C-alpha cells in the first residue's frame, strides 16, 4: 500500500518579511506588525475573515496556495520533513 502526503509549503517569518509572507499566501494580506514584532495577517478562509498573529521565528504553512496554519520553530522539525529540490 503506498504512503501519500499532501503538499504543504512553508515560509519562516523572520521579523522583516511580513509583506512577503502576506503576498505568498493566496488568501491573506499583511495587516501590520505588533509592538512585540509579531506579524498580523488578515485571512479569508472560505468567506470567514479573521486576523492571525504570527510570532517572529514561527513557520507559516500553506496548502494549495492558501494559509493552512503556523508552527513554532521547536515543533517544525518534529512535525515536518523538508523534501530537497521541490
N, C-alpha and C. Protein backbone atom coordinates (compact mmCIF):
# COMPACT_ATOMS: atom_id res chain seq x y z
N UNK A 1 0.85 -1.17 0.00
CA UNK A 1 0.00 0.00 0.00
C UNK A 1 0.90 1.24 0.00
N UNK A 2 0.66 2.19 -0.89
CA UNK A 2 1.52 3.38 -0.94
C UNK A 2 1.25 4.34 0.21
N UNK A 3 2.29 5.03 0.61
CA UNK A 3 2.18 6.11 1.58
C UNK A 3 2.09 7.41 0.78
N UNK A 4 1.11 8.26 1.09
CA UNK A 4 0.96 9.53 0.38
C UNK A 4 0.95 10.68 1.38
N UNK A 5 1.31 11.85 0.92
CA UNK A 5 1.29 13.05 1.76
C UNK A 5 0.74 14.20 0.95
N UNK A 6 0.12 15.13 1.62
CA UNK A 6 -0.31 16.36 0.98
C UNK A 6 0.89 17.28 0.84
N UNK A 7 0.89 18.10 -0.19
CA UNK A 7 2.00 19.03 -0.39
C UNK A 7 1.74 20.32 0.40
N UNK A 8 2.45 20.46 1.48
CA UNK A 8 2.46 21.71 2.24
C UNK A 8 3.73 22.47 1.90
N UNK A 9 3.65 23.78 1.91
CA UNK A 9 4.82 24.61 1.72
C UNK A 9 4.97 25.50 2.95
N UNK A 10 6.19 25.92 3.23
CA UNK A 10 6.42 26.71 4.44
C UNK A 10 7.32 27.90 4.16
N UNK A 11 7.13 28.92 4.99
CA UNK A 11 7.98 30.11 4.97
C UNK A 11 8.11 30.57 6.41
N UNK A 12 9.33 30.86 6.83
CA UNK A 12 9.54 31.32 8.19
C UNK A 12 9.40 32.84 8.25
N UNK A 13 8.64 33.31 9.25
CA UNK A 13 8.53 34.75 9.47
C UNK A 13 9.77 35.19 10.23
N UNK A 14 10.57 36.04 9.60
CA UNK A 14 11.86 36.45 10.17
C UNK A 14 11.80 37.72 11.00
N UNK A 15 10.68 38.41 10.93
CA UNK A 15 10.57 39.70 11.60
C UNK A 15 10.68 40.86 10.63
N UNK A 16 11.16 40.58 9.41
CA UNK A 16 11.29 41.63 8.41
C UNK A 16 10.59 41.29 7.10
N UNK A 17 10.03 40.11 6.98
CA UNK A 17 9.43 39.67 5.71
C UNK A 17 7.91 39.56 5.76
N UNK A 18 7.27 40.35 6.61
CA UNK A 18 5.82 40.29 6.75
C UNK A 18 5.06 40.51 5.45
N UNK A 19 5.36 41.57 4.69
CA UNK A 19 4.64 41.77 3.43
C UNK A 19 4.84 40.61 2.46
N UNK A 20 6.04 40.04 2.43
CA UNK A 20 6.30 38.90 1.55
C UNK A 20 5.48 37.68 1.95
N UNK A 21 5.34 37.45 3.26
CA UNK A 21 4.51 36.34 3.73
C UNK A 21 3.07 36.55 3.28
N UNK A 22 2.57 37.77 3.45
CA UNK A 22 1.20 38.07 3.01
C UNK A 22 1.01 37.86 1.52
N UNK A 23 1.99 38.29 0.71
CA UNK A 23 1.91 38.09 -0.74
C UNK A 23 1.97 36.61 -1.11
N UNK A 24 2.75 35.84 -0.38
CA UNK A 24 2.96 34.42 -0.64
C UNK A 24 1.68 33.62 -0.42
N UNK A 25 0.86 34.06 0.50
CA UNK A 25 -0.40 33.38 0.80
C UNK A 25 -1.50 33.92 -0.09
N UNK A 26 -2.19 33.07 -0.78
CA UNK A 26 -3.22 33.49 -1.72
C UNK A 26 -4.48 34.02 -1.07
N UNK A 27 -4.68 33.74 0.20
CA UNK A 27 -5.92 34.15 0.87
C UNK A 27 -5.66 35.00 2.11
N UNK A 28 -4.50 35.67 2.14
CA UNK A 28 -4.18 36.50 3.31
C UNK A 28 -3.51 37.79 2.85
N UNK A 29 -3.59 38.79 3.72
CA UNK A 29 -2.95 40.07 3.45
C UNK A 29 -2.19 40.52 4.68
N UNK A 30 -1.08 41.19 4.44
CA UNK A 30 -0.29 41.79 5.50
C UNK A 30 -1.14 42.84 6.20
N UNK A 31 -1.27 42.74 7.54
CA UNK A 31 -2.08 43.68 8.29
C UNK A 31 -1.25 44.53 9.25
N UNK A 32 0.04 44.24 9.34
CA UNK A 32 0.89 45.03 10.21
C UNK A 32 1.76 44.17 11.10
N UNK A 33 2.50 44.86 11.96
CA UNK A 33 3.39 44.21 12.92
C UNK A 33 3.06 44.76 14.29
N UNK A 34 2.95 43.89 15.28
CA UNK A 34 2.61 44.31 16.64
C UNK A 34 3.84 44.89 17.33
N UNK A 35 3.64 45.46 18.52
CA UNK A 35 4.74 46.05 19.28
C UNK A 35 5.83 45.04 19.62
N UNK A 36 5.45 43.76 19.79
CA UNK A 36 6.46 42.74 20.11
C UNK A 36 7.09 42.12 18.86
N UNK A 37 6.76 42.64 17.67
CA UNK A 37 7.37 42.17 16.43
C UNK A 37 6.63 41.05 15.74
N UNK A 38 5.46 40.65 16.29
CA UNK A 38 4.68 39.60 15.65
C UNK A 38 4.00 40.11 14.39
N UNK A 39 3.87 39.24 13.43
CA UNK A 39 3.19 39.55 12.18
C UNK A 39 1.69 39.40 12.36
N UNK A 40 0.93 40.33 11.81
CA UNK A 40 -0.52 40.20 11.78
C UNK A 40 -0.96 40.06 10.33
N UNK A 41 -1.74 39.02 10.07
CA UNK A 41 -2.30 38.79 8.75
C UNK A 41 -3.81 38.77 8.84
N UNK A 42 -4.46 39.30 7.83
CA UNK A 42 -5.91 39.14 7.68
C UNK A 42 -6.12 38.01 6.70
N UNK A 43 -6.82 36.97 7.15
CA UNK A 43 -7.00 35.75 6.37
C UNK A 43 -8.47 35.61 5.98
N UNK A 44 -8.71 35.25 4.73
CA UNK A 44 -10.06 34.95 4.26
C UNK A 44 -10.14 33.45 4.02
N UNK A 45 -10.78 32.74 4.92
CA UNK A 45 -10.90 31.30 4.84
C UNK A 45 -12.31 30.94 4.39
N UNK A 46 -12.49 30.82 3.09
CA UNK A 46 -13.80 30.48 2.51
C UNK A 46 -14.91 31.40 3.00
N UNK A 47 -14.61 32.71 3.02
CA UNK A 47 -15.61 33.69 3.41
C UNK A 47 -15.56 34.12 4.86
N UNK A 48 -14.88 33.35 5.70
CA UNK A 48 -14.70 33.73 7.09
C UNK A 48 -13.40 34.51 7.19
N UNK A 49 -13.50 35.77 7.62
CA UNK A 49 -12.33 36.64 7.68
C UNK A 49 -11.90 36.78 9.14
N UNK A 50 -10.59 36.55 9.37
CA UNK A 50 -10.07 36.68 10.72
C UNK A 50 -8.64 37.19 10.66
N UNK A 51 -8.16 37.70 11.78
CA UNK A 51 -6.78 38.16 11.90
C UNK A 51 -6.00 37.15 12.71
N UNK A 52 -4.82 36.81 12.23
CA UNK A 52 -3.97 35.88 12.96
C UNK A 52 -2.65 36.56 13.29
N UNK A 53 -2.06 36.17 14.38
CA UNK A 53 -0.80 36.74 14.87
C UNK A 53 0.27 35.66 14.79
N UNK A 54 1.41 35.99 14.16
CA UNK A 54 2.48 35.01 13.98
C UNK A 54 3.75 35.56 14.63
N UNK A 55 4.22 34.90 15.68
CA UNK A 55 5.44 35.37 16.35
C UNK A 55 6.67 35.26 15.44
N UNK A 56 7.61 36.12 15.69
CA UNK A 56 8.87 36.08 14.94
C UNK A 56 9.53 34.71 15.11
N UNK A 57 10.00 34.14 14.00
CA UNK A 57 10.66 32.84 14.03
C UNK A 57 9.73 31.67 13.73
N UNK A 58 8.43 31.89 13.80
CA UNK A 58 7.49 30.80 13.54
C UNK A 58 7.37 30.55 12.05
N UNK A 59 6.93 29.35 11.71
CA UNK A 59 6.74 28.94 10.32
C UNK A 59 5.28 29.08 9.92
N UNK A 60 5.06 29.62 8.74
CA UNK A 60 3.72 29.76 8.17
C UNK A 60 3.56 28.65 7.14
N UNK A 61 2.45 27.94 7.21
CA UNK A 61 2.20 26.84 6.29
C UNK A 61 1.13 27.22 5.28
N UNK A 62 1.30 26.73 4.06
CA UNK A 62 0.25 26.91 3.07
C UNK A 62 0.03 25.59 2.34
N UNK A 63 -1.21 25.42 1.94
CA UNK A 63 -1.61 24.25 1.16
C UNK A 63 -2.45 24.78 0.00
N UNK A 64 -2.10 24.37 -1.19
CA UNK A 64 -2.82 24.82 -2.39
C UNK A 64 -2.84 26.36 -2.47
N UNK A 65 -1.75 26.99 -2.04
CA UNK A 65 -1.62 28.43 -2.12
C UNK A 65 -2.33 29.22 -1.04
N UNK A 66 -2.91 28.52 -0.06
CA UNK A 66 -3.72 29.18 0.96
C UNK A 66 -3.16 28.93 2.36
N UNK A 67 -3.39 29.90 3.25
CA UNK A 67 -2.94 29.79 4.64
C UNK A 67 -3.50 28.52 5.27
N UNK A 68 -2.62 27.74 5.86
CA UNK A 68 -3.02 26.48 6.48
C UNK A 68 -2.73 26.44 7.97
N UNK A 69 -1.92 27.37 8.45
CA UNK A 69 -1.63 27.40 9.88
C UNK A 69 -0.21 27.87 10.14
N UNK A 70 0.19 27.79 11.41
CA UNK A 70 1.53 28.17 11.82
C UNK A 70 2.08 27.11 12.76
N UNK A 71 3.40 27.06 12.81
CA UNK A 71 4.08 26.07 13.66
C UNK A 71 5.28 26.75 14.31
N UNK A 72 5.49 26.45 15.58
CA UNK A 72 6.63 27.02 16.29
C UNK A 72 7.94 26.47 15.72
N UNK A 73 9.05 27.20 15.92
CA UNK A 73 10.33 26.70 15.43
C UNK A 73 10.75 25.39 16.11
N UNK A 74 10.26 25.16 17.32
CA UNK A 74 10.59 23.92 18.02
C UNK A 74 9.83 22.73 17.44
N UNK A 75 8.55 22.94 17.09
CA UNK A 75 7.73 21.85 16.57
C UNK A 75 7.95 21.58 15.09
N UNK A 76 8.40 22.57 14.36
CA UNK A 76 8.54 22.42 12.91
C UNK A 76 9.39 21.21 12.52
N UNK A 77 10.62 21.05 13.05
CA UNK A 77 11.41 19.88 12.63
C UNK A 77 10.88 18.55 13.16
N UNK A 78 10.06 18.60 14.20
CA UNK A 78 9.48 17.36 14.73
C UNK A 78 8.27 16.89 13.92
N UNK A 79 7.58 17.86 13.31
CA UNK A 79 6.34 17.53 12.60
C UNK A 79 6.49 17.44 11.10
N UNK A 80 7.54 18.08 10.55
CA UNK A 80 7.66 18.16 9.10
C UNK A 80 9.07 17.79 8.66
N UNK A 81 9.14 17.25 7.46
CA UNK A 81 10.40 16.92 6.82
C UNK A 81 10.45 17.66 5.49
N UNK A 82 11.49 18.45 5.29
CA UNK A 82 11.61 19.19 4.05
C UNK A 82 12.19 18.29 2.96
N UNK A 83 11.55 18.29 1.80
CA UNK A 83 11.99 17.48 0.68
C UNK A 83 12.87 18.37 -0.20
N UNK A 84 14.15 18.05 -0.33
CA UNK A 84 15.04 18.88 -1.14
C UNK A 84 14.64 18.92 -2.62
N UNK A 85 14.87 20.08 -3.22
CA UNK A 85 14.68 20.20 -4.65
C UNK A 85 13.24 20.28 -5.13
N UNK A 86 12.31 20.57 -4.24
CA UNK A 86 10.90 20.66 -4.69
C UNK A 86 10.42 22.08 -4.68
